[in-house]
Amino acid sequence: MDAIILQVLNGLDKGSAYALIALGLTLIFGTLGVVNFAHGALFMIGAFCAVTLSRILTLSHTVIDETRKDFLGNPLKVDVPYVHDLFGVETGDAIIDWAVPLSLLFAIPIMIAVGVIMERGLIKHFYKRPHADQILVTFGLAIVLQEVIKYFYGANPIPTPAPAAFKGSFDFGAAIGFDPNVIIYPYWRIIYFGFAAVIIGGVFSFLQFTTFGMVVRAGMADRETVGLLGINIDRRFTIMFGVAAAVAGLAGVMYTPINSPNYHMGMDFLVLSFVVVVVGGMGSLPGAVLAGFLLGILESFASMREVIAIIPGINQVIIYLIAIIILLTRPRGLMGRKGVMED
């Protein structure tokens, strides 16, 4: 039982990332009808927003510390972060330590701006083009963004730690009645799942309970009719592209302590997230979230040593096998709508 619970937790952790990226992909496809293969790059840019802010906060200048001497008795030169000068040593250290959570505020305007520029500058010219053209141009854009990140940040992963308060592990087993130290799970992974739940709930609430969201949902169902009512649906869809970019970017920010950012991390998640979207049903927001968590849990169970011993390599292909089975039995996916990509 303890192994099962641990794998469910691992699956929820993986599924959170899949669901967040797939949610943004589905928002873009559902509103603009664009298959955006650059969406994984937005996840990567969000992660590097956290790297960038961490580097900004640790910028320092050299001072002479008369209280500290080297072996010759000379005063030592010490690097002092600028945040120490601005906020004091204690507050400055706390700001540096909490760089990843603070990066959420840093990333939101950047990701919205990147999304709007991407949509207005490039993707709007491919609205009425075949999906193959959309895939080619957005995949090319993803490669360009990947190489730009590689040029400025290098090819090696960049460790970006979580705040010290969340570096430990939570005794999940003891909390639910098992023996202590049986089910230990990192605090930050639990926080990531909670963060994903808040973002997903926020997006659904925004679409369901706000006038703006209702207009967007109406536009997703019948764009032409909404336009005939005098509503500028194109502007709202552009904003939703920015929102989708922000969702992917925030997912990347919070994932940095789990997986050190590197220039190809967007591609690593992109293919799996597209499988999640197809399994959930093209254009279905609930389907994307459901499929994300479902496939994350199945992948986690397939990664168990006992399973791999019976079927070697099953953890590498389980998601694709499940996708094949679901699409053979339900060609539109779990919650797909009739007529979506069936022309």
Protein backbone atom coordinates (compact mmCIF):
# COMPACT_ATOMS: atom_id res chain seq x y z
CA MET A 1 0.00 0.00 0.00
CA ASP A 2 2.82 2.42 0.83
CA ALA A 3 4.39 1.83 -2.61
CA ILE A 4 1.04 2.48 -4.29
CA ILE A 5 0.54 5.75 -2.41
CA LEU A 6 4.08 6.87 -3.27
CA GLN A 7 3.54 6.17 -6.97
CA VAL A 8 0.25 8.07 -6.90
CA LEU A 9 2.07 11.05 -5.41
CA ASN A 10 4.77 10.77 -8.09
CA GLY A 11 2.06 10.56 -10.72
CA LEU A 12 0.28 13.65 -9.42
CA ASP A 13 3.62 15.49 -9.51
CA LYS A 14 4.30 14.54 -13.14
CA GLY A 15 0.66 14.97 -14.06
CA SER A 16 0.66 18.52 -12.70
CA ALA A 17 3.31 19.57 -15.22
CA TYR A 18 1.60 17.70 -18.06
CA ALA A 19 -1.80 19.17 -17.18
CA LEU A 20 -0.55 22.75 -16.95
CA ILE A 21 1.22 22.63 -20.30
CA ALA A 22 -1.65 20.75 -21.95
CA LEU A 23 -4.12 23.28 -20.52
CA GLY A 24 -2.28 26.12 -22.26
CA LEU A 25 -2.04 24.13 -25.49
CA THR A 26 -5.77 23.45 -25.42
CA LEU A 27 -6.59 27.10 -24.67
CA ILE A 28 -4.66 28.15 -27.77
CA PHE A 29 -6.13 25.44 -29.99
CA GLY A 30 -9.65 25.97 -28.68
CA THR A 31 -9.60 29.75 -29.20
CA LEU A 32 -7.38 30.27 -32.24
CA GLY A 33 -7.46 26.82 -33.83
CA VAL A 34 -3.65 26.83 -33.92
CA VAL A 35 -1.53 23.76 -33.19
CA ASN A 36 1.25 25.50 -31.28
CA PHE A 37 4.44 23.42 -31.24
CA ALA A 38 6.26 26.35 -29.60
CA HIS A 39 4.32 25.92 -26.37
CA GLY A 40 7.03 23.80 -24.75
CA ALA A 41 9.44 26.67 -25.40
CA LEU A 42 7.16 28.91 -23.29
CA PHE A 43 7.55 26.43 -20.41
CA MET A 44 11.33 26.69 -20.89
CA ILE A 45 11.30 30.50 -20.99
CA GLY A 46 9.36 30.53 -17.73
CA ALA A 47 12.01 28.33 -16.12
CA PHE A 48 14.74 30.67 -17.31
CA CYS A 49 12.83 33.64 -15.89
CA ALA A 50 13.54 32.04 -12.50
CA VAL A 51 17.21 31.58 -13.45
CA THR A 52 17.44 35.20 -14.58
CA LEU A 53 15.89 36.64 -11.43
CA SER A 54 18.16 34.46 -9.28
CA ARG A 55 21.18 35.88 -11.09
CA ILE A 56 19.90 39.44 -10.79
CA LEU A 57 19.34 39.05 -7.05
CA THR A 58 22.87 37.67 -6.55
CA LEU A 59 24.60 40.49 -8.46
CA SER A 60 27.30 41.79 -6.15
CA HIS A 61 30.13 44.28 -5.77
CA THR A 62 33.47 43.85 -4.05
CA VAL A 63 34.26 45.60 -0.75
CA ILE A 64 37.17 45.48 1.66
CA ASP A 65 36.26 43.76 4.93
CA GLU A 66 38.61 45.09 7.60
CA THR A 67 37.32 42.55 10.13
CA ARG A 68 38.54 39.58 8.09
CA LYS A 69 42.19 38.93 7.23
CA ASP A 70 44.01 36.55 4.92
CA PHE A 71 47.01 34.49 6.06
CA LEU A 72 49.29 37.49 5.48
CA GLY A 73 47.15 39.74 7.66
CA ASN A 74 45.70 41.75 4.78
CA PRO A 75 41.98 42.70 4.73
CA LEU A 76 39.89 40.37 2.62
CA LYS A 77 37.95 41.39 -0.46
CA VAL A 78 34.32 40.23 -0.06
CA ASP A 79 31.53 40.09 -2.64
CA VAL A 80 28.41 41.76 -1.24
CA PRO A 81 25.08 41.36 -3.09
CA TYR A 82 23.38 44.64 -3.95
CA VAL A 83 20.21 43.43 -2.21
CA HIS A 84 22.16 43.56 1.06
CA ASP A 85 22.80 47.25 0.48
CA LEU A 86 19.16 47.89 -0.37
CA PHE A 87 17.38 45.76 2.25
CA GLY A 88 19.99 44.72 4.81
CA VAL A 89 21.77 41.41 5.22
CA GLU A 90 18.93 39.42 6.78
CA THR A 91 16.19 40.61 4.43
CA GLY A 92 18.51 40.43 1.44
CA ASP A 93 19.40 36.80 2.17
CA ALA A 94 15.69 35.99 2.52
CA ILE A 95 14.95 37.59 -0.86
CA ILE A 96 17.73 35.58 -2.52
CA ASP A 97 16.52 32.39 -0.83
CA TRP A 98 12.96 32.95 -2.09
CA ALA A 99 14.04 33.76 -5.63
CA VAL A 100 11.92 31.00 -7.22
CA PRO A 101 8.57 32.04 -5.67
CA LEU A 102 9.39 35.70 -6.38
CA SER A 103 10.05 34.72 -9.98
CA LEU A 104 6.31 34.14 -10.40
CA LEU A 105 5.76 37.91 -10.17
CA PHE A 106 8.75 38.48 -12.46
CA ALA A 107 7.55 35.96 -15.06
CA ILE A 108 3.87 36.94 -15.40
CA PRO A 109 4.33 40.19 -17.39
CA ILE A 110 7.22 38.71 -19.37
CA MET A 111 5.26 35.61 -20.39
CA ILE A 112 2.12 37.57 -21.29
CA ALA A 113 4.23 39.92 -23.41
CA VAL A 114 6.01 37.00 -25.11
CA GLY A 115 2.68 35.32 -25.83
CA VAL A 116 1.05 38.45 -27.27
CA ILE A 117 4.11 39.25 -29.42
CA MET A 118 4.25 35.66 -30.66
CA GLU A 119 0.57 35.67 -31.58
CA ARG A 120 0.48 39.13 -33.17
CA GLY A 121 3.85 38.91 -34.86
CA LEU A 122 3.75 35.40 -36.30
CA ILE A 123 0.91 33.05 -35.50
CA LYS A 124 -1.94 35.33 -36.64
CA HIS A 125 -0.67 34.92 -40.20
CA PHE A 126 -1.31 31.16 -40.02
CA TYR A 127 -4.87 31.08 -38.69
CA LYS A 128 -6.38 29.90 -41.96
CA ARG A 129 -3.40 27.85 -43.08
CA PRO A 130 -3.34 24.03 -42.84
CA HIS A 131 -2.38 22.53 -39.49
CA ALA A 132 0.78 21.13 -41.09
CA ASP A 133 1.95 24.70 -41.82
CA GLN A 134 1.16 25.74 -38.24
CA ILE A 135 3.16 22.82 -36.85
CA LEU A 136 6.15 23.57 -39.07
CA VAL A 137 6.33 27.28 -38.28
CA THR A 138 5.78 26.90 -34.53
CA PHE A 139 8.22 24.01 -34.32
CA GLY A 140 10.79 26.17 -36.11
CA LEU A 141 10.08 28.99 -33.66
CA ALA A 142 10.60 26.57 -30.76
CA ILE A 143 14.02 25.59 -32.14
CA VAL A 144 15.00 29.25 -32.53
CA LEU A 145 13.98 30.06 -28.94
CA GLN A 146 15.81 26.97 -27.71
CA GLU A 147 19.02 28.03 -29.45
CA VAL A 148 18.71 31.59 -28.12
CA ILE A 149 18.49 30.24 -24.57
CA LYS A 150 21.44 27.94 -25.23
CA TYR A 151 23.52 30.89 -26.51
CA PHE A 152 22.88 33.10 -23.47
CA TYR A 153 22.73 30.49 -20.71
CA GLY A 154 24.86 27.63 -22.00
CA ALA A 155 24.08 23.98 -22.61
CA ASN A 156 24.42 22.69 -19.05
CA PRO A 157 21.54 22.49 -16.55
CA ILE A 158 21.46 25.37 -14.07
CA PRO A 159 20.53 24.38 -10.50
CA THR A 160 17.84 26.68 -9.09
CA PRO A 161 17.07 25.60 -5.52
CA ALA A 162 13.80 25.91 -3.67
CA PRO A 163 13.66 28.10 -0.56
CA ALA A 164 15.45 26.54 2.41
CA ALA A 165 12.13 26.19 4.25
CA PHE A 166 10.94 23.70 1.60
CA LYS A 167 14.09 21.70 0.94
CA GLY A 168 13.20 18.87 3.29
CA SER A 169 10.70 16.04 2.97
CA PHE A 170 7.27 15.53 4.48
CA ASP A 171 6.48 12.31 6.33
CA PHE A 172 3.29 11.67 4.39
CA GLY A 173 2.93 8.15 5.75
CA ALA A 174 2.85 9.26 9.37
CA ALA A 175 0.23 11.88 8.51
CA ILE A 176 -2.19 9.24 7.17
CA GLY A 177 -1.57 6.57 9.81
CA PHE A 178 1.38 4.57 8.43
CA ASP A 179 4.63 3.97 10.29
CA PRO A 180 7.02 6.95 10.35
CA ASN A 181 9.55 7.26 7.50
CA VAL A 182 7.64 4.84 5.27
CA ILE A 183 6.27 7.38 2.78
CA ILE A 184 8.59 10.38 2.56
CA TYR A 185 7.88 12.98 -0.09
CA PRO A 186 9.68 16.28 -0.89
CA TYR A 187 7.89 19.41 0.26
CA TRP A 188 8.42 21.22 -3.03
CA ARG A 189 6.76 18.49 -5.08
CA ILE A 190 3.70 18.72 -2.84
CA ILE A 191 3.74 22.50 -3.26
CA TYR A 192 3.97 22.08 -7.04
CA PHE A 193 0.87 19.92 -7.07
CA GLY A 194 -0.99 22.46 -4.94
CA PHE A 195 0.21 25.28 -7.20
CA ALA A 196 -1.00 23.40 -10.28
CA ALA A 197 -4.41 22.84 -8.67
CA VAL A 198 -4.72 26.58 -7.92
CA ILE A 199 -3.74 27.60 -11.47
CA ILE A 200 -6.06 25.06 -13.08
CA GLY A 201 -8.91 26.09 -10.78
CA GLY A 202 -8.19 29.75 -11.50
CA VAL A 203 -8.29 29.27 -15.28
CA PHE A 204 -11.55 27.31 -15.15
CA SER A 205 -13.12 29.85 -12.78
CA PHE A 206 -12.02 32.70 -15.03
CA LEU A 207 -13.61 31.07 -18.07
CA GLN A 208 -16.75 29.99 -16.22
CA PHE A 209 -17.66 32.91 -13.99
CA THR A 210 -16.39 36.09 -15.69
CA THR A 211 -18.01 37.93 -18.57
CA PHE A 212 -14.71 37.89 -20.45
CA GLY A 213 -14.44 34.12 -19.99
CA MET A 214 -18.02 33.54 -21.09
CA VAL A 215 -17.38 35.49 -24.30
CA VAL A 216 -14.22 33.44 -24.90
CA ARG A 217 -16.11 30.17 -24.39
CA ALA A 218 -18.81 31.36 -26.76
CA GLY A 219 -16.13 32.26 -29.29
CA MET A 220 -14.57 28.82 -28.95
CA ALA A 221 -17.96 27.29 -29.78
CA ASP A 222 -18.98 29.68 -32.61
CA ARG A 223 -16.49 32.39 -33.50
CA GLU A 224 -18.45 33.83 -36.42
CA THR A 225 -21.68 34.36 -34.49
CA VAL A 226 -19.89 36.11 -31.63
CA GLY A 227 -18.18 38.38 -34.15
CA LEU A 228 -21.53 39.26 -35.72
CA LEU A 229 -22.70 40.51 -32.31
CA GLY A 230 -20.11 43.29 -32.54
CA ILE A 231 -17.67 41.73 -30.09
CA ASN A 232 -13.98 41.98 -30.93
CA ILE A 233 -13.30 38.29 -30.39
CA ASP A 234 -9.85 38.48 -32.00
CA ARG A 235 -8.59 40.79 -29.25
CA ARG A 236 -9.95 38.48 -26.57
CA PHE A 237 -8.32 35.48 -28.21
CA THR A 238 -5.00 37.36 -28.32
CA ILE A 239 -5.31 37.97 -24.58
CA MET A 240 -6.06 34.28 -24.06
CA PHE A 241 -2.89 33.42 -25.96
CA GLY A 242 -1.02 35.60 -23.47
CA VAL A 243 -2.82 33.86 -20.58
CA ALA A 244 -1.90 30.44 -22.01
CA ALA A 245 1.74 31.56 -22.31
CA ALA A 246 1.66 32.76 -18.70
CA VAL A 247 0.27 29.40 -17.51
CA ALA A 248 3.10 27.55 -19.28
CA GLY A 249 5.68 30.01 -17.98
CA LEU A 250 4.50 29.79 -14.37
CA ALA A 251 4.56 26.00 -14.63
CA GLY A 252 8.18 26.28 -15.76
CA VAL A 253 9.11 28.66 -12.94
CA MET A 254 7.84 26.36 -10.22
CA TYR A 255 9.38 23.29 -11.86
CA THR A 256 12.94 24.62 -11.66
CA PRO A 257 13.74 23.17 -8.21
CA ILE A 258 12.48 19.76 -9.41
CA ASN A 259 14.35 19.70 -12.71
CA SER A 260 17.30 22.08 -13.23
CA PRO A 261 16.53 24.31 -16.23
CA ASN A 262 18.23 23.46 -19.50
CA TYR A 263 17.72 24.62 -23.06
CA HIS A 264 15.96 21.45 -24.26
CA MET A 265 13.50 21.02 -21.38
CA GLY A 266 10.69 22.54 -23.45
CA MET A 267 11.05 19.88 -26.13
CA ASP A 268 11.17 17.17 -23.46
CA PHE A 269 7.70 18.16 -22.24
CA LEU A 270 6.23 19.23 -25.57
CA VAL A 271 5.73 15.82 -27.18
CA LEU A 272 4.28 14.29 -24.02
CA SER A 273 1.96 17.25 -23.56
CA PHE A 274 0.64 16.94 -27.11
CA VAL A 275 -0.08 13.29 -26.44
CA VAL A 276 -1.96 14.42 -23.33
CA VAL A 277 -4.01 16.91 -25.39
CA VAL A 278 -4.90 14.28 -28.00
CA VAL A 279 -5.82 11.70 -25.37
CA GLY A 280 -7.97 14.22 -23.50
CA GLY A 281 -9.65 15.38 -26.71
CA MET A 282 -8.58 18.25 -28.96
CA GLY A 283 -10.12 21.47 -27.69
CA SER A 284 -11.37 19.99 -24.40
CA LEU A 285 -10.00 21.81 -21.34
CA PRO A 286 -11.34 19.27 -18.80
CA GLY A 287 -10.05 16.48 -21.01
CA ALA A 288 -6.53 17.96 -21.06
CA VAL A 289 -6.41 18.17 -17.27
CA LEU A 290 -7.91 14.70 -16.77
CA ALA A 291 -5.53 13.13 -19.29
CA GLY A 292 -2.54 14.94 -17.79
CA PHE A 293 -3.06 13.49 -14.33
CA LEU A 294 -4.15 10.08 -15.65
CA LEU A 295 -1.07 9.64 -17.84
CA GLY A 296 1.21 11.01 -15.12
CA ILE A 297 -0.03 8.38 -12.67
CA LEU A 298 0.21 5.57 -15.22
CA GLU A 299 3.76 6.61 -16.15
CA SER A 300 4.69 6.64 -12.47
CA PHE A 301 3.40 3.10 -11.91
CA ALA A 302 5.16 1.91 -15.07
CA SER A 303 8.44 3.24 -13.62
CA MET A 304 8.33 0.87 -10.64
CA ARG A 305 11.21 -1.61 -10.54
CA GLU A 306 8.82 -4.55 -10.25
CA VAL A 307 7.01 -3.51 -13.44
CA ILE A 308 10.21 -2.80 -15.39
CA ALA A 309 11.58 -6.22 -14.34
CA ILE A 310 8.56 -7.87 -15.99
CA ILE A 311 8.33 -5.56 -19.04
CA PRO A 312 11.69 -3.81 -19.63
CA GLY A 313 11.36 -0.31 -21.02
CA ILE A 314 7.61 -0.07 -20.42
CA ASN A 315 8.09 3.25 -18.58
CA GLN A 316 9.40 4.81 -21.81
CA VAL A 317 6.40 3.87 -23.94
CA ILE A 318 3.45 3.52 -21.57
CA ILE A 319 2.01 6.94 -22.41
CA TYR A 320 2.06 6.19 -26.14
CA LEU A 321 0.54 2.74 -25.64
CA ILE A 322 -2.30 4.24 -23.60
CA ALA A 323 -2.78 6.90 -26.27
CA ILE A 324 -3.05 4.23 -28.98
CA ILE A 325 -5.59 2.22 -26.96
CA ILE A 326 -7.74 5.26 -26.17
CA LEU A 327 -7.69 6.59 -29.74
CA LEU A 328 -8.61 3.17 -31.13
CA THR A 329 -11.61 2.96 -28.82
CA ARG A 330 -12.46 6.69 -28.64
CA PRO A 331 -11.07 8.43 -31.74
CA ARG A 332 -11.96 11.88 -30.39
CA GLY A 333 -10.16 11.26 -27.10
CA LEU A 334 -11.65 11.03 -23.62
CA MET A 335 -13.67 14.27 -23.81
CA GLY A 336 -13.23 15.43 -27.40
CA ARG A 337 -15.94 17.32 -29.26
CA LYS A 338 -17.48 16.25 -32.54
CA GLY A 339 -16.08 18.04 -35.58
CA VAL A 340 -12.76 19.14 -34.06
CA MET A 341 -9.95 18.42 -36.55
CA GLU A 342 -12.21 16.02 -38.45
CA ASP A 343 -12.30 17.95 -41.70
